[in-house]
PDB file of all heavy atoms in Angstrom:
ATOM      1  N   SER A   1      14.771   8.486  14.133  1.00  0.00           N
ATOM      2  CA  SER A   1      15.818   9.136  13.366  1.00  0.00           C
ATOM      3  C   SER A   1      16.693   8.360  12.663  1.00  0.00           C
ATOM      4  O   SER A   1      17.484   8.772  11.792  1.00  0.00           O
ATOM      5  CB  SER A   1      16.513  10.164  14.393  1.00  0.00           C
ATOM      6  OG  SER A   1      17.505   9.356  15.089  1.00  0.00           O
ATOM      7  N   LEU A   2      16.662   6.980  12.826  1.00  0.00           N
ATOM      8  CA  LEU A   2      17.499   5.913  12.413  1.00  0.00           C
ATOM      9  C   LEU A   2      16.882   5.422  11.010  1.00  0.00           C
ATOM     10  O   LEU A   2      15.716   5.416  10.899  1.00  0.00           O
ATOM     11  CB  LEU A   2      17.723   4.843  13.237  1.00  0.00           C
ATOM     12  CG  LEU A   2      18.426   5.117  14.615  1.00  0.00           C
ATOM     13  CD1 LEU A   2      18.566   3.914  15.434  1.00  0.00           C
ATOM     14  CD2 LEU A   2      19.820   5.706  14.418  1.00  0.00           C
ATOM     15  N   ILE A   3      17.748   4.968  10.059  1.00  0.00           N
ATOM     16  CA  ILE A   3      17.413   4.298   8.782  1.00  0.00           C
ATOM     17  C   ILE A   3      16.564   3.141   9.208  1.00  0.00           C
ATOM     18  O   ILE A   3      15.817   2.632   8.294  1.00  0.00           O
ATOM     19  CB  ILE A   3      18.716   4.019   7.927  1.00  0.00           C
ATOM     20  CG1 ILE A   3      18.229   3.619   6.484  1.00  0.00           C
ATOM     21  CG2 ILE A   3      19.538   2.961   8.607  1.00  0.00           C
ATOM     22  CD1 ILE A   3      17.432   4.705   5.752  1.00  0.00           C
ATOM     23  N   ASP A   4      16.759   2.594  10.308  1.00  0.00           N
ATOM     24  CA  ASP A   4      15.975   1.279  10.719  1.00  0.00           C
ATOM     25  C   ASP A   4      14.530   1.562  10.621  1.00  0.00           C
ATOM     26  O   ASP A   4      13.760   0.504  10.305  1.00  0.00           O
ATOM     27  CB  ASP A   4      16.270   0.926  12.093  1.00  0.00           C
ATOM     28  CG  ASP A   4      17.748   0.702  12.533  1.00  0.00           C
ATOM     29  OD1 ASP A   4      18.518   0.606  11.538  1.00  0.00           O
ATOM     30  OD2 ASP A   4      18.147   0.638  13.633  1.00  0.00           O
ATOM     31  N   VAL A   5      13.936   2.755  10.696  1.00  0.00           N
ATOM     32  CA  VAL A   5      12.575   2.993  10.590  1.00  0.00           C
ATOM     33  C   VAL A   5      12.040   2.770   9.187  1.00  0.00           C
ATOM     34  O   VAL A   5      10.758   2.763   8.982  1.00  0.00           O
ATOM     35  CB  VAL A   5      12.193   4.379  11.132  1.00  0.00           C
ATOM     36  CG1 VAL A   5      12.450   5.454  10.201  1.00  0.00           C
ATOM     37  CG2 VAL A   5      10.784   4.575  11.588  1.00  0.00           C
ATOM     38  N   GLN A   6      12.944   2.816   8.246  1.00  0.00           N
ATOM     39  CA  GLN A   6      12.379   2.656   6.842  1.00  0.00           C
ATOM     40  C   GLN A   6      12.032   1.238   6.538  1.00  0.00           C
ATOM     41  O   GLN A   6      10.781   1.023   6.170  1.00  0.00           O
ATOM     42  CB  GLN A   6      13.557   2.964   5.865  1.00  0.00           C
ATOM     43  CG  GLN A   6      13.158   2.994   4.400  1.00  0.00           C
ATOM     44  CD  GLN A   6      14.247   3.433   3.653  1.00  0.00           C
ATOM     45  OE1 GLN A   6      14.971   2.618   2.866  1.00  0.00           O
ATOM     46  NE2 GLN A   6      14.550   4.733   3.579  1.00  0.00           N
ATOM     47  N   CYS A   7      12.864   0.199   6.673  1.00  0.00           N
ATOM     48  CA  CYS A   7      12.505  -1.247   6.317  1.00  0.00           C
ATOM     49  C   CYS A   7      12.887  -2.095   7.449  1.00  0.00           C
ATOM     50  O   CYS A   7      13.045  -3.321   7.187  1.00  0.00           O
ATOM     51  CB  CYS A   7      13.060  -1.610   5.070  1.00  0.00           C
ATOM     52  SG  CYS A   7      12.462  -0.735   3.592  1.00  0.00           S
ATOM     53  N   ASN A   8      13.116  -1.633   8.622  1.00  0.00           N
ATOM     54  CA  ASN A   8      13.667  -2.352   9.771  1.00  0.00           C
ATOM     55  C   ASN A   8      15.089  -2.351   9.936  1.00  0.00           C
ATOM     56  O   ASN A   8      15.851  -2.019   8.925  1.00  0.00           O
ATOM     57  CB  ASN A   8      13.059  -3.728   9.843  1.00  0.00           C
ATOM     58  CG  ASN A   8      12.742  -4.296  11.232  1.00  0.00           C
ATOM     59  OD1 ASN A   8      13.493  -4.122  12.117  1.00  0.00           O
ATOM     60  ND2 ASN A   8      11.501  -4.787  11.296  1.00  0.00           N
ATOM     61  N   GLY A   9      15.690  -2.871  10.959  1.00  0.00           N
ATOM     62  CA  GLY A   9      17.186  -2.884  11.240  1.00  0.00           C
ATOM     63  C   GLY A   9      17.355  -2.769  12.785  1.00  0.00           C
ATOM     64  O   GLY A   9      16.444  -2.639  13.579  1.00  0.00           O
ATOM     65  N   TYR A  10      18.579  -2.825  13.122  1.00  0.00           N
ATOM     66  CA  TYR A  10      18.993  -2.792  14.498  1.00  0.00           C
ATOM     67  C   TYR A  10      20.358  -2.194  14.625  1.00  0.00           C
ATOM     68  O   TYR A  10      21.326  -2.875  14.835  1.00  0.00           O
ATOM     69  CB  TYR A  10      18.928  -4.204  15.155  1.00  0.00           C
ATOM     70  CG  TYR A  10      19.394  -4.356  16.602  1.00  0.00           C
ATOM     71  CD1 TYR A  10      18.943  -3.287  17.519  1.00  0.00           C
ATOM     72  CD2 TYR A  10      20.078  -5.399  17.077  1.00  0.00           C
ATOM     73  CE1 TYR A  10      19.369  -3.394  18.766  1.00  0.00           C
ATOM     74  CE2 TYR A  10      20.423  -5.508  18.272  1.00  0.00           C
ATOM     75  CZ  TYR A  10      20.037  -4.553  19.223  1.00  0.00           C
ATOM     76  OH  TYR A  10      20.270  -4.654  20.586  1.00  0.00           O
ATOM     77  N   THR A  11      20.342  -0.899  14.353  1.00  0.00           N
ATOM     78  CA  THR A  11      21.609  -0.141  14.357  1.00  0.00           C
ATOM     79  C   THR A  11      22.520  -0.362  15.625  1.00  0.00           C
ATOM     80  O   THR A  11      23.704  -0.518  15.620  1.00  0.00           O
ATOM     81  CB  THR A  11      21.364   1.379  14.092  1.00  0.00           C
ATOM     82  OG1 THR A  11      20.910   1.549  12.695  1.00  0.00           O
ATOM     83  CG2 THR A  11      22.621   2.217  14.187  1.00  0.00           C
ATOM     84  N   ASP A  12      21.830  -0.266  16.730  1.00  0.00           N
ATOM     85  CA  ASP A  12      22.631  -0.468  17.951  1.00  0.00           C
ATOM     86  C   ASP A  12      23.235  -1.864  18.087  1.00  0.00           C
ATOM     87  O   ASP A  12      24.233  -2.042  18.859  1.00  0.00           O
ATOM     88  CB  ASP A  12      21.644  -0.271  19.103  1.00  0.00           C
ATOM     89  CG  ASP A  12      21.228   1.184  19.370  1.00  0.00           C
ATOM     90  OD1 ASP A  12      21.828   2.086  18.704  1.00  0.00           O
ATOM     91  OD2 ASP A  12      20.152   1.367  20.065  1.00  0.00           O
ATOM     92  N   GLY A  13      22.689  -2.827  17.338  1.00  0.00           N
ATOM     93  CA  GLY A  13      23.379  -4.186  17.297  1.00  0.00           C
ATOM     94  C   GLY A  13      24.249  -4.372  16.138  1.00  0.00           C
ATOM     95  O   GLY A  13      24.660  -5.558  15.875  1.00  0.00           O
ATOM     96  N   GLY A  14      24.373  -3.319  15.315  1.00  0.00           N
ATOM     97  CA  GLY A  14      25.283  -3.551  14.193  1.00  0.00           C
ATOM     98  C   GLY A  14      24.551  -3.825  12.853  1.00  0.00           C
ATOM     99  O   GLY A  14      25.207  -4.008  11.723  1.00  0.00           O
ATOM    100  N   VAL A  15      23.118  -3.885  12.893  1.00  0.00           N
ATOM    101  CA  VAL A  15      22.555  -4.057  11.667  1.00  0.00           C
ATOM    102  C   VAL A  15      21.864  -2.753  11.206  1.00  0.00           C
ATOM    103  O   VAL A  15      20.880  -2.333  11.760  1.00  0.00           O
ATOM    104  CB  VAL A  15      21.479  -5.113  11.746  1.00  0.00           C
ATOM    105  CG1 VAL A  15      20.704  -5.396  10.517  1.00  0.00           C
ATOM    106  CG2 VAL A  15      21.988  -6.497  12.348  1.00  0.00           C
ATOM    107  N   ILE A  16      22.552  -2.101  10.404  1.00  0.00           N
ATOM    108  CA  ILE A  16      22.079  -0.672   9.982  1.00  0.00           C
ATOM    109  C   ILE A  16      21.084  -0.730   8.870  1.00  0.00           C
ATOM    110  O   ILE A  16      21.431  -0.920   7.685  1.00  0.00           O
ATOM    111  CB  ILE A  16      23.225   0.219   9.620  1.00  0.00           C
ATOM    112  CG1 ILE A  16      24.237   0.250  10.866  1.00  0.00           C
ATOM    113  CG2 ILE A  16      22.819   1.641   9.240  1.00  0.00           C
ATOM    114  CD1 ILE A  16      25.597   1.017  10.523  1.00  0.00           C
ATOM    115  N   GLY A  17      19.779  -0.673   9.145  1.00  0.00           N
ATOM    116  CA  GLY A  17      18.805  -0.573   8.288  1.00  0.00           C
ATOM    117  C   GLY A  17      18.719  -2.095   7.696  1.00  0.00           C
ATOM    118  O   GLY A  17      19.051  -3.063   8.181  1.00  0.00           O
ATOM    119  N   SER A  18      18.011  -2.101   6.465  1.00  0.00           N
ATOM    120  CA  SER A  18      17.789  -3.444   5.735  1.00  0.00           C
ATOM    121  C   SER A  18      18.537  -3.357   4.450  1.00  0.00           C
ATOM    122  O   SER A  18      19.413  -2.401   4.207  1.00  0.00           O
ATOM    123  CB  SER A  18      16.239  -3.613   5.590  1.00  0.00           C
ATOM    124  OG  SER A  18      16.067  -4.930   5.118  1.00  0.00           O
ATOM    125  N   LYS A  19      18.192  -4.250   3.504  1.00  0.00           N
ATOM    126  CA  LYS A  19      18.764  -4.308   2.252  1.00  0.00           C
ATOM    127  C   LYS A  19      17.710  -4.943   1.287  1.00  0.00           C
ATOM    128  O   LYS A  19      16.846  -5.588   1.649  1.00  0.00           O
ATOM    129  CB  LYS A  19      20.148  -5.244   2.305  1.00  0.00           C
ATOM    130  CG  LYS A  19      19.859  -6.640   2.608  1.00  0.00           C
ATOM    131  CD  LYS A  19      21.139  -7.347   2.661  1.00  0.00           C
ATOM    132  CE  LYS A  19      20.979  -8.873   3.137  1.00  0.00           C
ATOM    133  NZ  LYS A  19      22.347  -9.542   3.204  1.00  0.00           N
ATOM    134  N   PRO A  20      18.008  -4.744  -0.043  1.00  0.00           N
ATOM    135  CA  PRO A  20      16.960  -5.266  -1.028  1.00  0.00           C
ATOM    136  C   PRO A  20      16.998  -6.825  -0.893  1.00  0.00           C
ATOM    137  O   PRO A  20      17.893  -7.589  -0.654  1.00  0.00           O
ATOM    138  CB  PRO A  20      17.662  -4.918  -2.407  1.00  0.00           C
ATOM    139  CG  PRO A  20      18.460  -3.708  -2.051  1.00  0.00           C
ATOM    140  CD  PRO A  20      19.089  -3.903  -0.690  1.00  0.00           C
ATOM    141  N   ALA A  21      15.702  -7.317  -1.147  1.00  0.00           N
ATOM    142  CA  ALA A  21      15.429  -8.797  -1.386  1.00  0.00           C
ATOM    143  C   ALA A  21      15.742  -9.142  -2.757  1.00  0.00           C
ATOM    144  O   ALA A  21      15.673  -8.355  -3.676  1.00  0.00           O
ATOM    145  CB  ALA A  21      14.038  -9.106  -0.981  1.00  0.00           C
ATOM    146  N   PRO A  22      16.026 -10.552  -3.061  1.00  0.00           N
ATOM    147  CA  PRO A  22      16.323 -10.865  -4.377  1.00  0.00           C
ATOM    148  C   PRO A  22      15.082 -11.038  -5.336  1.00  0.00           C
ATOM    149  O   PRO A  22      15.328 -11.196  -6.584  1.00  0.00           O
ATOM    150  CB  PRO A  22      17.007 -12.148  -4.255  1.00  0.00           C
ATOM    151  CG  PRO A  22      16.504 -12.762  -2.917  1.00  0.00           C
ATOM    152  CD  PRO A  22      16.269 -11.517  -2.043  1.00  0.00           C
ATOM    153  N   LEU A  23      13.846 -10.975  -4.902  1.00  0.00           N
ATOM    154  CA  LEU A  23      12.758 -11.295  -5.763  1.00  0.00           C
ATOM    155  C   LEU A  23      11.747 -10.080  -5.503  1.00  0.00           C
ATOM    156  O   LEU A  23      11.769  -9.303  -4.623  1.00  0.00           O
ATOM    157  CB  LEU A  23      12.037 -12.619  -5.211  1.00  0.00           C
ATOM    158  CG  LEU A  23      12.837 -13.890  -5.244  1.00  0.00           C
ATOM    159  CD1 LEU A  23      12.098 -15.035  -4.762  1.00  0.00           C
ATOM    160  CD2 LEU A  23      13.377 -14.191  -6.637  1.00  0.00           C
ATOM    161  N   PHE A  24      10.818 -10.129  -6.393  1.00  0.00           N
ATOM    162  CA  PHE A  24       9.648  -9.234  -6.384  1.00  0.00           C
ATOM    163  C   PHE A  24       8.327 -10.153  -6.837  1.00  0.00           C
ATOM    164  O   PHE A  24       8.513 -10.966  -7.555  1.00  0.00           O
ATOM    165  CB  PHE A  24       9.884  -7.899  -7.127  1.00  0.00           C
ATOM    166  CG  PHE A  24      10.226  -8.110  -8.567  1.00  0.00           C
ATOM    167  CD1 PHE A  24       9.200  -8.291  -9.470  1.00  0.00           C
ATOM    168  CD2 PHE A  24      11.476  -8.049  -8.952  1.00  0.00           C
ATOM    169  CE1 PHE A  24       9.484  -8.444 -10.846  1.00  0.00           C
ATOM    170  CE2 PHE A  24      11.763  -8.222 -10.307  1.00  0.00           C
ATOM    171  CZ  PHE A  24      10.769  -8.502 -11.363  1.00  0.00           C
ATOM    172  N   ALA A  25       7.216  -9.558  -6.387  1.00  0.00           N
ATOM    173  CA  ALA A  25       5.995 -10.290  -6.649  1.00  0.00           C
ATOM    174  C   ALA A  25       5.206  -9.494  -7.759  1.00  0.00           C
ATOM    175  O   ALA A  25       4.991  -8.308  -7.507  1.00  0.00           O
ATOM    176  CB  ALA A  25       5.103 -10.513  -5.483  1.00  0.00           C
ATOM    177  N   PRO A  26       4.575 -10.127  -8.772  1.00  0.00           N
ATOM    178  CA  PRO A  26       3.809  -9.466  -9.710  1.00  0.00           C
ATOM    179  C   PRO A  26       2.395  -9.128  -9.093  1.00  0.00           C
ATOM    180  O   PRO A  26       1.907 -10.084  -8.383  1.00  0.00           O
ATOM    181  CB  PRO A  26       3.662 -10.354 -10.984  1.00  0.00           C
ATOM    182  CG  PRO A  26       3.880 -11.637 -10.358  1.00  0.00           C
ATOM    183  CD  PRO A  26       4.814 -11.522  -9.184  1.00  0.00           C
ATOM    184  N   VAL A  27       1.828  -7.955  -9.330  1.00  0.00           N
ATOM    185  CA  VAL A  27       0.460  -7.762  -8.882  1.00  0.00           C
ATOM    186  C   VAL A  27      -0.158  -6.714  -9.888  1.00  0.00           C
ATOM    187  O   VAL A  27       0.540  -5.813 -10.360  1.00  0.00           O
ATOM    188  CB  VAL A  27       0.674  -7.071  -7.511  1.00  0.00           C
ATOM    189  CG1 VAL A  27       1.430  -5.788  -7.321  1.00  0.00           C
ATOM    190  CG2 VAL A  27      -0.777  -6.759  -6.842  1.00  0.00           C
ATOM    191  N   ALA A  28      -1.378  -6.868 -10.057  1.00  0.00           N
ATOM    192  CA  ALA A  28      -2.153  -5.924 -10.929  1.00  0.00           C
ATOM    193  C   ALA A  28      -2.612  -4.782 -10.124  1.00  0.00           C
ATOM    194  O   ALA A  28      -3.073  -4.914  -8.962  1.00  0.00           O
ATOM    195  CB  ALA A  28      -3.277  -6.653 -11.478  1.00  0.00           C
ATOM    196  N   ALA A  29      -2.623  -3.593 -10.742  1.00  0.00           N
ATOM    197  CA  ALA A  29      -3.201  -2.426 -10.086  1.00  0.00           C
ATOM    198  C   ALA A  29      -4.680  -2.730  -9.779  1.00  0.00           C
ATOM    199  O   ALA A  29      -5.427  -3.401 -10.525  1.00  0.00           O
ATOM    200  CB  ALA A  29      -3.220  -1.178 -11.090  1.00  0.00           C
ATOM    201  N   GLY A  30      -5.172  -2.421  -8.524  1.00  0.00           N
ATOM    202  CA  GLY A  30      -6.552  -2.690  -8.142  1.00  0.00           C
ATOM    203  C   GLY A  30      -6.616  -3.987  -7.428  1.00  0.00           C
ATOM    204  O   GLY A  30      -7.739  -4.365  -6.961  1.00  0.00           O
ATOM    205  N   GLN A  31      -5.518  -4.787  -7.324  1.00  0.00           N
ATOM    206  CA  GLN A  31      -5.662  -6.114  -6.672  1.00  0.00           C
ATOM    207  C   GLN A  31      -5.269  -5.906  -5.184  1.00  0.00           C
ATOM    208  O   GLN A  31      -4.682  -5.042  -4.656  1.00  0.00           O
ATOM    209  CB  GLN A  31      -4.452  -7.052  -7.319  1.00  0.00           C
ATOM    210  CG  GLN A  31      -4.600  -8.568  -6.810  1.00  0.00           C
ATOM    211  CD  GLN A  31      -3.763  -9.389  -7.766  1.00  0.00           C
ATOM    212  OE1 GLN A  31      -2.909  -8.919  -8.476  1.00  0.00           O
ATOM    213  NE2 GLN A  31      -3.959 -10.752  -7.602  1.00  0.00           N
ATOM    214  N   ASP A  32      -5.907  -6.854  -4.448  1.00  0.00           N
ATOM    215  CA  ASP A  32      -5.785  -6.849  -2.922  1.00  0.00           C
ATOM    216  C   ASP A  32      -4.492  -7.582  -2.576  1.00  0.00           C
ATOM    217  O   ASP A  32      -4.062  -8.646  -3.373  1.00  0.00           O
ATOM    218  CB  ASP A  32      -6.895  -7.626  -2.180  1.00  0.00           C
ATOM    219  CG  ASP A  32      -8.162  -6.742  -2.157  1.00  0.00           C
ATOM    220  OD1 ASP A  32      -8.071  -5.568  -2.434  1.00  0.00           O
ATOM    221  OD2 ASP A  32      -9.208  -7.344  -1.792  1.00  0.00           O
ATOM    222  N   ILE A  33      -3.870  -7.183  -1.694  1.00  0.00           N
ATOM    223  CA  ILE A  33      -2.664  -7.861  -1.016  1.00  0.00           C
ATOM    224  C   ILE A  33      -2.958  -8.191   0.401  1.00  0.00           C
ATOM    225  O   ILE A  33      -3.441  -7.206   1.194  1.00  0.00           O
ATOM    226  CB  ILE A  33      -1.332  -7.019  -1.134  1.00  0.00           C
ATOM    227  CG1 ILE A  33      -1.084  -6.840  -2.702  1.00  0.00           C
ATOM    228  CG2 ILE A  33      -0.193  -7.711  -0.377  1.00  0.00           C
ATOM    229  CD1 ILE A  33       0.273  -6.027  -2.823  1.00  0.00           C
TER     230      ILE A  33
END
């Protein structure tokens, strides 16, 4: 039920969910990751 399940986090320890990263990676549709 916690936001932690979205992108990780540790609400009980004071880390409520995650936050955006500063970068993103280019990828073509149909490409393997």
